N, C-alpha and C. Protein backbone atom coordinates (compact mmCIF):
# COMPACT_ATOMS: atom_id res chain seq x y z
N MET A 1 17.98 -3.31 5.43
CA MET A 1 16.70 -3.92 5.13
C MET A 1 16.48 -3.94 3.61
N ARG A 2 15.82 -4.96 3.16
CA ARG A 2 15.57 -5.12 1.74
C ARG A 2 14.52 -4.11 1.27
N GLN A 3 14.83 -3.45 0.16
CA GLN A 3 13.89 -2.56 -0.50
C GLN A 3 13.57 -3.16 -1.87
N PRO A 4 12.35 -2.96 -2.35
CA PRO A 4 12.05 -3.43 -3.71
C PRO A 4 12.99 -2.74 -4.71
N ASP A 5 13.34 -3.44 -5.79
CA ASP A 5 14.22 -2.83 -6.78
C ASP A 5 13.48 -1.72 -7.55
N ARG A 6 14.25 -0.87 -8.19
CA ARG A 6 13.71 0.30 -8.91
C ARG A 6 12.68 -0.11 -9.98
N GLU A 7 12.95 -1.18 -10.68
CA GLU A 7 12.01 -1.61 -11.74
C GLU A 7 10.65 -1.98 -11.14
N LYS A 8 10.68 -2.65 -10.00
CA LYS A 8 9.43 -3.03 -9.34
C LYS A 8 8.68 -1.78 -8.87
N ILE A 9 9.41 -0.83 -8.31
CA ILE A 9 8.78 0.41 -7.84
C ILE A 9 8.16 1.15 -9.02
N LYS A 10 8.86 1.22 -10.15
CA LYS A 10 8.30 1.89 -11.33
C LYS A 10 7.01 1.20 -11.78
N LYS A 11 7.01 -0.12 -11.77
CA LYS A 11 5.82 -0.89 -12.14
C LYS A 11 4.65 -0.54 -11.20
N TRP A 12 4.92 -0.46 -9.91
CA TRP A 12 3.88 -0.11 -8.94
C TRP A 12 3.36 1.29 -9.19
N LEU A 13 4.26 2.23 -9.47
CA LEU A 13 3.82 3.61 -9.71
C LEU A 13 2.95 3.72 -10.95
N VAL A 14 3.29 2.98 -11.99
CA VAL A 14 2.46 2.97 -13.19
C VAL A 14 1.06 2.44 -12.85
N ARG A 15 1.00 1.38 -12.07
CA ARG A 15 -0.30 0.84 -11.66
C ARG A 15 -1.10 1.87 -10.85
N ILE A 16 -0.47 2.41 -9.83
CA ILE A 16 -1.16 3.35 -8.94
C ILE A 16 -1.59 4.59 -9.70
N ASN A 17 -0.71 5.11 -10.53
CA ASN A 17 -1.08 6.30 -11.29
C ASN A 17 -2.17 6.00 -12.30
N GLY A 18 -2.24 4.77 -12.77
CA GLY A 18 -3.35 4.37 -13.63
C GLY A 18 -4.68 4.44 -12.89
N HIS A 19 -4.66 4.11 -11.60
CA HIS A 19 -5.86 4.23 -10.76
C HIS A 19 -6.17 5.69 -10.45
N GLU A 20 -5.13 6.42 -10.08
CA GLU A 20 -5.32 7.77 -9.55
C GLU A 20 -5.54 8.80 -10.66
N GLY A 21 -4.86 8.60 -11.80
CA GLY A 21 -5.06 9.50 -12.92
C GLY A 21 -4.47 10.88 -12.71
N GLY A 22 -4.91 11.76 -13.57
CA GLY A 22 -4.38 13.12 -13.57
C GLY A 22 -5.09 14.02 -12.58
N TYR A 23 -5.17 15.26 -12.93
CA TYR A 23 -5.71 16.30 -12.06
C TYR A 23 -7.22 16.21 -11.94
N SER A 24 -7.73 16.39 -10.72
CA SER A 24 -9.18 16.52 -10.51
C SER A 24 -9.42 17.48 -9.36
N ASN A 25 -10.54 18.13 -9.43
CA ASN A 25 -10.95 19.05 -8.36
C ASN A 25 -12.46 18.93 -8.25
N ARG A 26 -12.90 17.77 -7.75
CA ARG A 26 -14.34 17.50 -7.64
C ARG A 26 -14.91 18.07 -6.36
N SER A 27 -16.19 17.90 -6.22
CA SER A 27 -16.88 18.42 -5.03
C SER A 27 -16.32 17.75 -3.77
N PRO A 28 -16.38 18.45 -2.63
CA PRO A 28 -15.89 17.85 -1.38
C PRO A 28 -16.60 16.55 -1.02
N LYS A 29 -17.87 16.42 -1.42
CA LYS A 29 -18.59 15.18 -1.12
C LYS A 29 -17.99 14.00 -1.89
N ALA A 30 -17.68 14.22 -3.16
CA ALA A 30 -17.12 13.15 -4.00
C ALA A 30 -15.66 12.88 -3.68
N ASP A 31 -14.93 13.93 -3.34
CA ASP A 31 -13.50 13.79 -3.08
C ASP A 31 -13.09 14.70 -1.94
N PRO A 32 -13.16 14.18 -0.68
CA PRO A 32 -12.86 15.02 0.47
C PRO A 32 -11.42 15.53 0.51
N GLY A 33 -10.53 14.93 -0.29
CA GLY A 33 -9.14 15.40 -0.33
C GLY A 33 -8.99 16.70 -1.09
N GLY A 34 -10.06 17.10 -1.79
CA GLY A 34 -10.00 18.33 -2.58
C GLY A 34 -9.21 18.12 -3.86
N GLU A 35 -8.50 19.15 -4.23
CA GLU A 35 -7.69 19.11 -5.43
C GLU A 35 -6.75 17.90 -5.35
N THR A 36 -6.69 17.09 -6.42
CA THR A 36 -5.88 15.88 -6.41
C THR A 36 -5.22 15.66 -7.78
N LYS A 37 -4.00 15.20 -7.76
CA LYS A 37 -3.31 14.79 -8.99
C LYS A 37 -2.35 13.67 -8.63
N TRP A 38 -2.35 12.61 -9.43
CA TRP A 38 -1.51 11.43 -9.21
C TRP A 38 -1.78 10.81 -7.84
N GLY A 39 -2.95 11.05 -7.28
CA GLY A 39 -3.28 10.52 -5.96
C GLY A 39 -2.75 11.36 -4.81
N ILE A 40 -2.15 12.50 -5.11
CA ILE A 40 -1.62 13.41 -4.10
C ILE A 40 -2.67 14.51 -3.90
N SER A 41 -3.15 14.66 -2.68
CA SER A 41 -4.25 15.61 -2.44
C SER A 41 -3.75 16.89 -1.77
N LYS A 42 -4.48 17.96 -2.05
CA LYS A 42 -4.20 19.25 -1.44
C LYS A 42 -4.38 19.19 0.07
N ARG A 43 -5.35 18.38 0.52
CA ARG A 43 -5.57 18.24 1.96
C ARG A 43 -4.33 17.67 2.65
N SER A 44 -3.70 16.69 2.03
CA SER A 44 -2.51 16.07 2.63
C SER A 44 -1.24 16.88 2.41
N TYR A 45 -1.20 17.64 1.31
CA TYR A 45 0.00 18.42 0.95
C TYR A 45 -0.41 19.84 0.59
N PRO A 46 -0.85 20.63 1.60
CA PRO A 46 -1.37 21.97 1.31
C PRO A 46 -0.33 22.93 0.72
N HIS A 47 0.94 22.65 0.90
CA HIS A 47 2.01 23.52 0.40
C HIS A 47 2.33 23.28 -1.08
N LEU A 48 1.82 22.21 -1.67
CA LEU A 48 2.14 21.88 -3.06
C LEU A 48 1.18 22.53 -4.05
N ASP A 49 1.71 22.84 -5.23
CA ASP A 49 0.88 23.28 -6.35
C ASP A 49 0.39 22.00 -7.03
N ILE A 50 -0.75 21.52 -6.58
CA ILE A 50 -1.27 20.23 -7.04
C ILE A 50 -1.51 20.21 -8.54
N LYS A 51 -2.07 21.26 -9.07
CA LYS A 51 -2.42 21.29 -10.50
C LYS A 51 -1.18 21.09 -11.38
N ASN A 52 -0.02 21.60 -10.95
CA ASN A 52 1.19 21.52 -11.75
C ASN A 52 2.18 20.46 -11.25
N LEU A 53 1.72 19.59 -10.36
CA LEU A 53 2.56 18.52 -9.84
C LEU A 53 2.99 17.58 -10.96
N THR A 54 4.27 17.28 -11.04
CA THR A 54 4.76 16.37 -12.08
C THR A 54 4.74 14.93 -11.57
N LEU A 55 4.81 14.00 -12.50
CA LEU A 55 4.86 12.59 -12.13
C LEU A 55 6.13 12.30 -11.33
N ASP A 56 7.24 12.93 -11.67
CA ASP A 56 8.48 12.73 -10.90
C ASP A 56 8.32 13.21 -9.46
N GLN A 57 7.65 14.36 -9.27
CA GLN A 57 7.42 14.85 -7.91
C GLN A 57 6.50 13.89 -7.15
N ALA A 58 5.46 13.41 -7.83
CA ALA A 58 4.55 12.45 -7.20
C ALA A 58 5.30 11.17 -6.84
N ALA A 59 6.18 10.70 -7.72
CA ALA A 59 6.95 9.48 -7.46
C ALA A 59 7.83 9.65 -6.22
N GLU A 60 8.41 10.83 -6.05
CA GLU A 60 9.24 11.09 -4.87
C GLU A 60 8.41 11.03 -3.60
N ILE A 61 7.20 11.57 -3.65
CA ILE A 61 6.29 11.51 -2.50
C ILE A 61 5.92 10.07 -2.20
N TYR A 62 5.59 9.30 -3.24
CA TYR A 62 5.25 7.89 -3.05
C TYR A 62 6.40 7.14 -2.40
N LEU A 63 7.62 7.37 -2.89
CA LEU A 63 8.78 6.67 -2.34
C LEU A 63 8.97 6.99 -0.86
N LEU A 64 8.90 8.26 -0.51
CA LEU A 64 9.14 8.68 0.88
C LEU A 64 7.99 8.34 1.81
N GLU A 65 6.77 8.59 1.37
CA GLU A 65 5.61 8.50 2.25
C GLU A 65 4.96 7.12 2.32
N PHE A 66 5.06 6.35 1.25
CA PHE A 66 4.32 5.08 1.20
C PHE A 66 5.23 3.86 1.00
N ILE A 67 6.07 3.90 -0.01
CA ILE A 67 6.86 2.71 -0.34
C ILE A 67 7.91 2.42 0.73
N ALA A 68 8.69 3.41 1.12
CA ALA A 68 9.75 3.17 2.11
C ALA A 68 9.19 2.67 3.44
N PRO A 69 8.16 3.31 4.03
CA PRO A 69 7.68 2.81 5.32
C PRO A 69 7.12 1.38 5.27
N ILE A 70 6.49 1.03 4.19
CA ILE A 70 5.90 -0.32 4.12
C ILE A 70 6.93 -1.35 3.69
N SER A 71 7.71 -1.05 2.65
CA SER A 71 8.66 -2.06 2.16
C SER A 71 9.79 -2.28 3.14
N SER A 72 10.06 -1.32 4.02
CA SER A 72 11.13 -1.51 4.99
C SER A 72 10.77 -2.57 6.03
N ARG A 73 9.53 -3.02 6.02
CA ARG A 73 9.09 -4.05 6.96
C ARG A 73 9.37 -5.46 6.44
N GLN A 74 10.05 -5.56 5.31
CA GLN A 74 10.45 -6.83 4.73
C GLN A 74 9.26 -7.75 4.50
N LEU A 75 8.25 -7.22 3.87
CA LEU A 75 7.09 -8.02 3.50
C LEU A 75 7.25 -8.50 2.08
N PRO A 76 6.53 -9.55 1.71
CA PRO A 76 6.57 -9.99 0.31
C PRO A 76 6.10 -8.86 -0.61
N ASP A 77 6.69 -8.77 -1.80
CA ASP A 77 6.37 -7.68 -2.72
C ASP A 77 4.88 -7.61 -3.07
N ALA A 78 4.22 -8.75 -3.24
CA ALA A 78 2.79 -8.74 -3.59
C ALA A 78 1.98 -8.06 -2.49
N ILE A 79 2.35 -8.28 -1.25
CA ILE A 79 1.65 -7.68 -0.11
C ILE A 79 2.02 -6.21 0.01
N THR A 80 3.29 -5.92 -0.19
CA THR A 80 3.76 -4.52 -0.13
C THR A 80 2.99 -3.68 -1.13
N TYR A 81 2.85 -4.16 -2.37
CA TYR A 81 2.12 -3.37 -3.38
C TYR A 81 0.68 -3.11 -2.94
N GLN A 82 -0.01 -4.15 -2.49
CA GLN A 82 -1.42 -3.98 -2.09
C GLN A 82 -1.54 -2.98 -0.94
N LEU A 83 -0.64 -3.06 0.03
CA LEU A 83 -0.69 -2.12 1.15
C LEU A 83 -0.33 -0.70 0.72
N ILE A 84 0.59 -0.57 -0.22
CA ILE A 84 0.93 0.76 -0.73
C ILE A 84 -0.27 1.36 -1.44
N ASP A 85 -0.92 0.58 -2.30
CA ASP A 85 -2.08 1.12 -3.03
C ASP A 85 -3.19 1.51 -2.06
N PHE A 86 -3.45 0.69 -1.07
CA PHE A 86 -4.45 0.99 -0.05
C PHE A 86 -4.03 2.27 0.70
N SER A 87 -2.75 2.38 1.04
CA SER A 87 -2.24 3.53 1.79
C SER A 87 -2.34 4.83 1.00
N VAL A 88 -2.02 4.77 -0.28
CA VAL A 88 -2.13 5.95 -1.13
C VAL A 88 -3.57 6.44 -1.12
N HIS A 89 -4.49 5.53 -1.11
CA HIS A 89 -5.92 5.85 -1.18
C HIS A 89 -6.50 6.25 0.16
N SER A 90 -6.03 5.65 1.26
CA SER A 90 -6.70 5.84 2.56
C SER A 90 -5.76 6.09 3.73
N GLY A 91 -4.47 6.14 3.50
CA GLY A 91 -3.51 6.34 4.59
C GLY A 91 -2.92 5.03 5.08
N ILE A 92 -1.66 5.07 5.48
CA ILE A 92 -0.96 3.86 5.93
C ILE A 92 -1.63 3.27 7.17
N ARG A 93 -1.90 4.09 8.18
CA ARG A 93 -2.49 3.57 9.41
C ARG A 93 -3.83 2.89 9.13
N ARG A 94 -4.65 3.50 8.28
CA ARG A 94 -5.95 2.91 7.95
C ARG A 94 -5.76 1.58 7.24
N ALA A 95 -4.86 1.52 6.27
CA ALA A 95 -4.62 0.28 5.53
C ALA A 95 -4.19 -0.84 6.48
N VAL A 96 -3.25 -0.53 7.35
CA VAL A 96 -2.73 -1.56 8.27
C VAL A 96 -3.81 -1.94 9.29
N LYS A 97 -4.55 -0.96 9.80
CA LYS A 97 -5.63 -1.27 10.77
C LYS A 97 -6.67 -2.20 10.16
N GLU A 98 -7.07 -1.93 8.93
CA GLU A 98 -8.08 -2.78 8.30
C GLU A 98 -7.54 -4.19 8.09
N LEU A 99 -6.28 -4.30 7.69
CA LEU A 99 -5.65 -5.61 7.54
C LEU A 99 -5.59 -6.32 8.89
N GLN A 100 -5.15 -5.62 9.92
CA GLN A 100 -5.07 -6.23 11.26
C GLN A 100 -6.44 -6.72 11.72
N ARG A 101 -7.47 -5.94 11.48
CA ARG A 101 -8.82 -6.32 11.88
C ARG A 101 -9.21 -7.65 11.24
N TRP A 102 -8.87 -7.81 9.97
CA TRP A 102 -9.23 -9.03 9.26
C TRP A 102 -8.35 -10.21 9.63
N MET A 103 -7.12 -9.96 10.03
CA MET A 103 -6.22 -11.06 10.38
C MET A 103 -6.49 -11.58 11.79
N ASN A 104 -7.18 -10.79 12.61
CA ASN A 104 -7.56 -11.23 13.95
C ASN A 104 -6.34 -11.72 14.74
N ILE A 105 -5.46 -10.80 15.06
CA ILE A 105 -4.22 -11.14 15.76
C ILE A 105 -4.53 -11.45 17.24
N VAL A 106 -4.05 -12.60 17.69
CA VAL A 106 -4.26 -13.02 19.07
C VAL A 106 -2.89 -13.27 19.71
N ILE A 107 -2.69 -12.67 20.89
CA ILE A 107 -1.44 -12.86 21.64
C ILE A 107 -1.82 -13.30 23.04
N ASP A 108 -1.24 -14.41 23.46
CA ASP A 108 -1.53 -14.95 24.80
C ASP A 108 -3.03 -15.08 25.05
N GLY A 109 -3.75 -15.55 24.05
CA GLY A 109 -5.19 -15.77 24.18
C GLY A 109 -6.04 -14.52 24.10
N GLN A 110 -5.43 -13.37 23.92
CA GLN A 110 -6.17 -12.11 23.84
C GLN A 110 -6.10 -11.54 22.43
N ARG A 111 -7.27 -11.16 21.91
CA ARG A 111 -7.31 -10.51 20.60
C ARG A 111 -6.71 -9.12 20.73
N VAL A 112 -5.77 -8.80 19.84
CA VAL A 112 -5.09 -7.52 19.88
C VAL A 112 -5.90 -6.50 19.06
N GLU A 113 -6.11 -5.34 19.65
CA GLU A 113 -6.84 -4.28 18.98
C GLU A 113 -5.95 -3.70 17.87
N PRO A 114 -6.49 -3.53 16.65
CA PRO A 114 -5.69 -2.97 15.55
C PRO A 114 -5.13 -1.59 15.92
N ASP A 115 -3.83 -1.39 15.63
CA ASP A 115 -3.21 -0.11 15.96
C ASP A 115 -2.64 0.60 14.74
N GLY A 116 -2.68 -0.06 13.57
CA GLY A 116 -2.18 0.58 12.36
C GLY A 116 -0.68 0.58 12.21
N VAL A 117 0.00 -0.25 12.99
CA VAL A 117 1.46 -0.32 12.96
C VAL A 117 1.87 -1.74 12.59
N ILE A 118 2.80 -1.87 11.65
CA ILE A 118 3.32 -3.19 11.30
C ILE A 118 4.48 -3.49 12.24
N GLY A 119 4.12 -4.03 13.39
CA GLY A 119 5.12 -4.43 14.38
C GLY A 119 5.43 -5.91 14.23
N PRO A 120 6.14 -6.50 15.17
CA PRO A 120 6.55 -7.89 15.04
C PRO A 120 5.38 -8.87 14.99
N TYR A 121 4.31 -8.62 15.75
CA TYR A 121 3.17 -9.55 15.73
C TYR A 121 2.40 -9.46 14.42
N THR A 122 2.20 -8.24 13.93
CA THR A 122 1.50 -8.08 12.65
C THR A 122 2.33 -8.71 11.53
N ARG A 123 3.63 -8.44 11.54
CA ARG A 123 4.49 -9.02 10.50
C ARG A 123 4.46 -10.54 10.55
N ALA A 124 4.55 -11.12 11.74
CA ALA A 124 4.50 -12.57 11.87
C ALA A 124 3.17 -13.12 11.36
N LYS A 125 2.09 -12.44 11.68
CA LYS A 125 0.77 -12.90 11.21
C LYS A 125 0.69 -12.80 9.69
N ILE A 126 1.20 -11.69 9.13
CA ILE A 126 1.22 -11.53 7.67
C ILE A 126 1.95 -12.70 7.03
N LEU A 127 3.10 -13.04 7.58
CA LEU A 127 3.93 -14.10 7.00
C LEU A 127 3.35 -15.49 7.22
N SER A 128 2.32 -15.60 8.06
CA SER A 128 1.69 -16.91 8.27
C SER A 128 0.68 -17.25 7.17
N PHE A 129 0.33 -16.30 6.35
CA PHE A 129 -0.60 -16.51 5.24
C PHE A 129 0.17 -16.71 3.95
N SER A 130 -0.44 -17.38 2.98
CA SER A 130 0.14 -17.40 1.64
C SER A 130 -0.04 -16.00 1.06
N ASP A 131 0.83 -15.63 0.13
CA ASP A 131 0.72 -14.31 -0.50
C ASP A 131 -0.63 -14.13 -1.18
N SER A 132 -1.08 -15.16 -1.89
CA SER A 132 -2.35 -15.03 -2.62
C SER A 132 -3.53 -14.89 -1.66
N ASP A 133 -3.53 -15.62 -0.56
CA ASP A 133 -4.61 -15.47 0.42
C ASP A 133 -4.60 -14.07 1.02
N LEU A 134 -3.42 -13.57 1.33
CA LEU A 134 -3.34 -12.25 1.95
C LEU A 134 -3.74 -11.14 0.97
N VAL A 135 -3.40 -11.28 -0.30
CA VAL A 135 -3.86 -10.30 -1.30
C VAL A 135 -5.38 -10.23 -1.27
N MET A 136 -6.03 -11.39 -1.24
CA MET A 136 -7.51 -11.39 -1.21
C MET A 136 -8.04 -10.79 0.09
N ILE A 137 -7.37 -11.07 1.21
CA ILE A 137 -7.81 -10.49 2.48
C ILE A 137 -7.69 -8.97 2.45
N ILE A 138 -6.58 -8.46 1.94
CA ILE A 138 -6.40 -7.01 1.86
C ILE A 138 -7.47 -6.37 0.99
N ILE A 139 -7.73 -6.95 -0.16
CA ILE A 139 -8.74 -6.38 -1.06
C ILE A 139 -10.13 -6.47 -0.45
N ALA A 140 -10.45 -7.59 0.22
CA ALA A 140 -11.76 -7.71 0.89
C ALA A 140 -11.89 -6.68 2.01
N ALA A 141 -10.85 -6.53 2.82
CA ALA A 141 -10.88 -5.54 3.90
C ALA A 141 -11.06 -4.14 3.34
N ARG A 142 -10.41 -3.89 2.24
CA ARG A 142 -10.49 -2.57 1.62
C ARG A 142 -11.88 -2.29 1.08
N LEU A 143 -12.46 -3.26 0.40
CA LEU A 143 -13.83 -3.09 -0.11
C LEU A 143 -14.82 -2.85 1.02
N LYS A 144 -14.69 -3.63 2.10
CA LYS A 144 -15.58 -3.45 3.26
C LYS A 144 -15.43 -2.04 3.82
N PHE A 145 -14.20 -1.57 3.93
CA PHE A 145 -13.95 -0.22 4.43
C PHE A 145 -14.55 0.83 3.49
N LEU A 146 -14.29 0.70 2.20
CA LEU A 146 -14.76 1.70 1.22
C LEU A 146 -16.27 1.78 1.15
N LYS A 147 -16.95 0.65 1.21
CA LYS A 147 -18.41 0.67 1.06
C LYS A 147 -19.10 1.37 2.22
N ASP A 148 -18.42 1.51 3.34
CA ASP A 148 -18.98 2.20 4.49
C ASP A 148 -18.70 3.71 4.50
N LEU A 149 -17.93 4.19 3.52
CA LEU A 149 -17.65 5.62 3.45
C LEU A 149 -18.84 6.39 2.89
N ASN A 150 -18.99 7.63 3.33
CA ASN A 150 -20.10 8.46 2.87
C ASN A 150 -20.07 8.73 1.37
N ASN A 151 -18.89 8.73 0.77
CA ASN A 151 -18.79 9.02 -0.66
C ASN A 151 -18.72 7.77 -1.53
N TRP A 152 -19.09 6.61 -0.98
CA TRP A 152 -19.12 5.36 -1.75
C TRP A 152 -19.99 5.52 -3.00
N HIS A 153 -21.15 6.11 -2.84
CA HIS A 153 -22.08 6.23 -3.97
C HIS A 153 -21.44 6.99 -5.14
N ASP A 154 -20.70 8.05 -4.83
CA ASP A 154 -20.08 8.86 -5.88
C ASP A 154 -18.87 8.20 -6.52
N ASN A 155 -18.24 7.29 -5.82
CA ASN A 155 -16.96 6.73 -6.28
C ASN A 155 -16.95 5.22 -6.49
N SER A 156 -18.06 4.56 -6.24
CA SER A 156 -18.08 3.10 -6.20
C SER A 156 -17.63 2.45 -7.51
N ARG A 157 -18.00 3.01 -8.63
CA ARG A 157 -17.59 2.40 -9.91
C ARG A 157 -16.08 2.40 -10.07
N GLY A 158 -15.46 3.54 -9.79
CA GLY A 158 -14.01 3.64 -9.92
C GLY A 158 -13.29 2.78 -8.89
N TRP A 159 -13.81 2.77 -7.67
CA TRP A 159 -13.17 1.97 -6.62
C TRP A 159 -13.32 0.48 -6.90
N ALA A 160 -14.48 0.07 -7.37
CA ALA A 160 -14.68 -1.35 -7.71
C ALA A 160 -13.74 -1.76 -8.84
N ASP A 161 -13.58 -0.87 -9.82
CA ASP A 161 -12.66 -1.14 -10.93
C ASP A 161 -11.23 -1.26 -10.41
N ARG A 162 -10.86 -0.40 -9.49
CA ARG A 162 -9.53 -0.45 -8.90
C ARG A 162 -9.30 -1.78 -8.19
N MET A 163 -10.31 -2.24 -7.43
CA MET A 163 -10.17 -3.51 -6.71
C MET A 163 -10.08 -4.68 -7.69
N ALA A 164 -10.86 -4.63 -8.77
CA ALA A 164 -10.78 -5.68 -9.79
C ALA A 164 -9.38 -5.73 -10.40
N ASN A 165 -8.82 -4.56 -10.71
CA ASN A 165 -7.45 -4.52 -11.23
C ASN A 165 -6.46 -5.06 -10.21
N ASN A 166 -6.67 -4.74 -8.93
CA ASN A 166 -5.76 -5.23 -7.91
C ASN A 166 -5.84 -6.75 -7.75
N LEU A 167 -7.00 -7.32 -7.98
CA LEU A 167 -7.09 -8.79 -7.98
C LEU A 167 -6.23 -9.37 -9.10
N ILE A 168 -6.28 -8.74 -10.27
CA ILE A 168 -5.46 -9.20 -11.40
C ILE A 168 -3.97 -9.02 -11.05
N TYR A 169 -3.62 -7.86 -10.48
CA TYR A 169 -2.23 -7.64 -10.09
C TYR A 169 -1.79 -8.66 -9.05
N GLY A 170 -2.70 -9.01 -8.16
CA GLY A 170 -2.38 -10.01 -7.15
C GLY A 170 -2.02 -11.36 -7.76
N VAL A 171 -2.75 -11.73 -8.82
CA VAL A 171 -2.44 -12.97 -9.54
C VAL A 171 -1.06 -12.85 -10.18
N GLU A 172 -0.81 -11.73 -10.84
CA GLU A 172 0.50 -11.51 -11.49
C GLU A 172 1.64 -11.55 -10.48
N ASP A 173 1.43 -10.94 -9.32
CA ASP A 173 2.50 -10.78 -8.33
C ASP A 173 2.76 -12.03 -7.49
N THR A 174 1.82 -12.96 -7.47
CA THR A 174 2.00 -14.16 -6.64
C THR A 174 2.27 -15.41 -7.47
N ASP A 175 2.57 -15.23 -8.76
CA ASP A 175 2.89 -16.40 -9.59
C ASP A 175 4.10 -17.14 -9.08
């Protein structure tokens, strides 16, 4: 299966790390993941020393946990990046479920309930859209999801800025 090349992956990591930033340990209300660095949370990786996590260690986690599972589905790179960024922020299943909800997948006249898995029907539906349209759908789905979270008030400025940057990245990636 096709994987994005190393240069593309490095570009994505620079973007994501620009969103995620360095070390933070904010209140549980503002950041339910707890201690976080490079977008890697103590809640998700309780065995890691988050405060001393290096960018190389974070990159390895991104490659194994986010990039490989999504890019192995042979999706266009512009879509893969958007789904990876959403997944880093909210989990792969959540990212895919929100996308599925917005794509309204219908099989044999029946609307399919989102399951958070990029199977053959989801992949076919993804490929039925233009890359630029799908980038906008992913970002819209993500904003709708984020605004309904309890910590939207504490994080809305940063999240809105992240979505604005992703719109710009979407333009760059779908040229």
